[in-house]
C-alpha atoms as a PDB file:
ATOM      1  CA  MET A   1     -22.908  -6.616 -18.194  1.00  0.00           C
ATOM      2  CA  TYR A   2     -21.948  -2.917 -19.613  1.00  0.00           C
ATOM      3  CA  ASN A   3     -21.073  -1.871 -15.675  1.00  0.00           C
ATOM      4  CA  GLU A   4     -18.706  -4.791 -15.503  1.00  0.00           C
ATOM      5  CA  THR A   5     -17.313  -4.216 -18.730  1.00  0.00           C
ATOM      6  CA  ASN A   6     -16.819  -0.550 -18.229  1.00  0.00           C
ATOM      7  CA  ASN A   7     -15.203  -1.189 -14.668  1.00  0.00           C
ATOM      8  CA  ASN A   8     -12.587  -3.413 -16.507  1.00  0.00           C
ATOM      9  CA  VAL A   9     -11.765  -0.705 -18.931  1.00  0.00           C
ATOM     10  CA  ILE A  10     -11.228   1.904 -16.013  1.00  0.00           C
ATOM     11  CA  ALA A  11      -9.209  -0.751 -14.073  1.00  0.00           C
ATOM     12  CA  TYR A  12      -7.225  -0.939 -17.054  1.00  0.00           C
ATOM     13  CA  GLN A  13      -6.542   2.866 -17.593  1.00  0.00           C
ATOM     14  CA  LEU A  14      -5.492   3.007 -13.694  1.00  0.00           C
ATOM     15  CA  LEU A  15      -3.350   0.233 -14.096  1.00  0.00           C
ATOM     16  CA  TYR A  16      -1.668   1.871 -16.931  1.00  0.00           C
ATOM     17  CA  GLU A  17      -1.245   5.242 -15.253  1.00  0.00           C
ATOM     18  CA  ILE A  18       0.054   3.611 -11.995  1.00  0.00           C
ATOM     19  CA  TYR A  19       2.858   1.997 -14.280  1.00  0.00           C
ATOM     20  CA  THR A  20       3.671   5.006 -15.944  1.00  0.00           C
ATOM     21  CA  THR A  21       4.090   6.759 -12.623  1.00  0.00           C
ATOM     22  CA  LEU A  22       6.332   3.976 -11.767  1.00  0.00           C
ATOM     23  CA  ILE A  23       8.442   4.334 -14.831  1.00  0.00           C
ATOM     24  CA  ASP A  24       8.545   8.025 -14.612  1.00  0.00           C
ATOM     25  CA  GLY A  25       9.164   8.398 -11.093  1.00  0.00           C
ATOM     26  CA  TYR A  26      11.512   5.579 -10.211  1.00  0.00           C
ATOM     27  CA  ASN A  27      14.749   4.543 -11.737  1.00  0.00           C
ATOM     28  CA  ILE A  28      13.927   1.162 -13.135  1.00  0.00           C
ATOM     29  CA  PRO A  29      16.356  -0.856 -15.384  1.00  0.00           C
ATOM     30  CA  LEU A  30      15.142  -1.594 -18.941  1.00  0.00           C
ATOM     31  CA  GLN A  31      14.831  -5.363 -18.740  1.00  0.00           C
ATOM     32  CA  ARG A  32      12.398  -4.847 -15.721  1.00  0.00           C
ATOM     33  CA  LYS A  33      10.004  -2.204 -17.623  1.00  0.00           C
ATOM     34  CA  GLY A  34       8.646  -4.793 -20.087  1.00  0.00           C
ATOM     35  CA  SER A  35       5.782  -5.943 -17.701  1.00  0.00           C
ATOM     36  CA  TYR A  36       3.653  -4.664 -14.878  1.00  0.00           C
ATOM     37  CA  ARG A  37       4.777  -7.463 -12.403  1.00  0.00           C
ATOM     38  CA  GLU A  38       8.406  -7.054 -12.985  1.00  0.00           C
ATOM     39  CA  CYS A  39       8.292  -3.234 -12.648  1.00  0.00           C
ATOM     40  CA  LEU A  40       6.372  -3.449  -9.661  1.00  0.00           C
ATOM     41  CA  ASP A  41       8.318  -6.284  -7.991  1.00  0.00           C
ATOM     42  CA  TYR A  42      11.345  -3.930  -8.505  1.00  0.00           C
ATOM     43  CA  VAL A  43      10.061  -0.858  -6.899  1.00  0.00           C
ATOM     44  CA  ILE A  44       8.651  -2.487  -3.982  1.00  0.00           C
ATOM     45  CA  THR A  45      12.086  -4.266  -3.551  1.00  0.00           C
ATOM     46  CA  ILE A  46      14.183  -1.528  -3.875  1.00  0.00           C
ATOM     47  CA  TYR A  47      12.022   1.423  -2.595  1.00  0.00           C
ATOM     48  CA  GLU A  48      10.348  -0.588  -0.122  1.00  0.00           C
ATOM     49  CA  ARG A  49      11.386   1.718   2.876  1.00  0.00           C
ATOM     50  CA  ARG A  50      10.734   4.855   0.979  1.00  0.00           C
ATOM     51  CA  LEU A  51       7.253   3.899   0.097  1.00  0.00           C
ATOM     52  CA  GLY A  52       6.075   2.617   3.401  1.00  0.00           C
ATOM     53  CA  SER A  53       4.331  -0.595   4.200  1.00  0.00           C
ATOM     54  CA  ASP A  54       0.530   0.649   3.432  1.00  0.00           C
ATOM     55  CA  LEU A  55       1.478   1.711  -0.194  1.00  0.00           C
ATOM     56  CA  VAL A  56       3.715  -1.680  -0.674  1.00  0.00           C
ATOM     57  CA  LYS A  57       1.031  -3.823   0.564  1.00  0.00           C
ATOM     58  CA  MET A  58      -1.668  -1.764  -1.595  1.00  0.00           C
ATOM     59  CA  LEU A  59       0.759  -1.742  -4.816  1.00  0.00           C
ATOM     60  CA  SER A  60       1.075  -5.578  -4.254  1.00  0.00           C
ATOM     61  CA  THR A  61      -2.505  -6.265  -4.353  1.00  0.00           C
ATOM     62  CA  THR A  62      -2.951  -4.467  -7.531  1.00  0.00           C
ATOM     63  CA  LYS A  63      -1.207  -7.359  -9.348  1.00  0.00           C
ATOM     64  CA  GLN A  64      -4.432  -9.301  -8.508  1.00  0.00           C
ATOM     65  CA  VAL A  65      -6.415  -6.579  -9.937  1.00  0.00           C
ATOM     66  CA  ARG A  66      -4.315  -6.600 -13.152  1.00  0.00           C
ATOM     67  CA  ASN A  67      -4.538 -10.449 -13.371  1.00  0.00           C
ATOM     68  CA  LYS A  68      -8.621 -10.041 -13.136  1.00  0.00           C
ATOM     69  CA  VAL A  69      -8.471  -7.350 -16.000  1.00  0.00           C
ATOM     70  CA  CYS A  70      -5.935  -9.605 -18.114  1.00  0.00           C
ATOM     71  CA  HIS A  71      -8.115 -12.777 -17.955  1.00  0.00           C
ATOM     72  CA  PHE A  72     -11.535 -10.970 -18.546  1.00  0.00           C
ATOM     73  CA  HIS A  73     -12.601 -11.540 -14.782  1.00  0.00           C
ATOM     74  CA  THR A  74     -15.061  -9.286 -13.261  1.00  0.00           C
ATOM     75  CA  VAL A  75     -13.349  -6.122 -11.605  1.00  0.00           C
ATOM     76  CA  THR A  76     -15.503  -4.851  -8.570  1.00  0.00           C
ATOM     77  CA  GLN A  77     -16.104  -1.334  -7.246  1.00  0.00           C
ATOM     78  CA  LYS A  78     -13.807  -2.562  -4.467  1.00  0.00           C
ATOM     79  CA  ASP A  79     -10.737  -3.259  -7.319  1.00  0.00           C
ATOM     80  CA  LEU A  80     -11.357   0.250  -8.341  1.00  0.00           C
ATOM     81  CA  PHE A  81     -11.279   1.847  -5.243  1.00  0.00           C
ATOM     82  CA  LEU A  82      -7.872  -0.085  -4.275  1.00  0.00           C
ATOM     83  CA  LEU A  83      -6.237   1.154  -7.850  1.00  0.00           C
ATOM     84  CA  LYS A  84      -7.619   4.753  -7.159  1.00  0.00           C
ATOM     85  CA  ARG A  85      -6.261   4.985  -3.820  1.00  0.00           C
ATOM     86  CA  ALA A  86      -2.604   3.240  -4.894  1.00  0.00           C
ATOM     87  CA  LYS A  87      -2.455   5.790  -7.633  1.00  0.00           C
ATOM     88  CA  SER A  88      -3.120   8.360  -5.445  1.00  0.00           C
ATOM     89  CA  LEU A  89      -0.772   7.586  -2.945  1.00  0.00           C
ATOM     90  CA  LEU A  90       1.718   6.829  -5.489  1.00  0.00           C
ATOM     91  CA  SER A  91       1.417  10.078  -7.006  1.00  0.00           C
ATOM     92  CA  GLU A  92       1.782  11.854  -3.520  1.00  0.00           C
ATOM     93  CA  GLU A  93       4.685  10.019  -2.584  1.00  0.00           C
ATOM     94  CA  GLY A  94       6.395  11.244  -5.623  1.00  0.00           C
ATOM     95  CA  VAL A  95       5.801  14.833  -4.722  1.00  0.00           C
ATOM     96  CA  LYS A  96       8.016  14.574  -1.386  1.00  0.00           C
END
């Protein structure tokens, strides 16, 4: 039980870091900054070519993990790996 709870906490933190990276690194309208999904959908739509298909797919999949966290479902190690990888690629993309 502890490990599952810990995974959810780590996932929440990683999702927040992805969200703040999107807010800080992309020109997102104020009305799209209110939710993770709206922010992410906007960035994917507007910056799809810049992000590349692999990162777009990975970021889209983070919404499923976000739903697990928000609905208190178990977050797996695979989910955590996905979030860490998406965060890393997004940070690398911002350096270009």
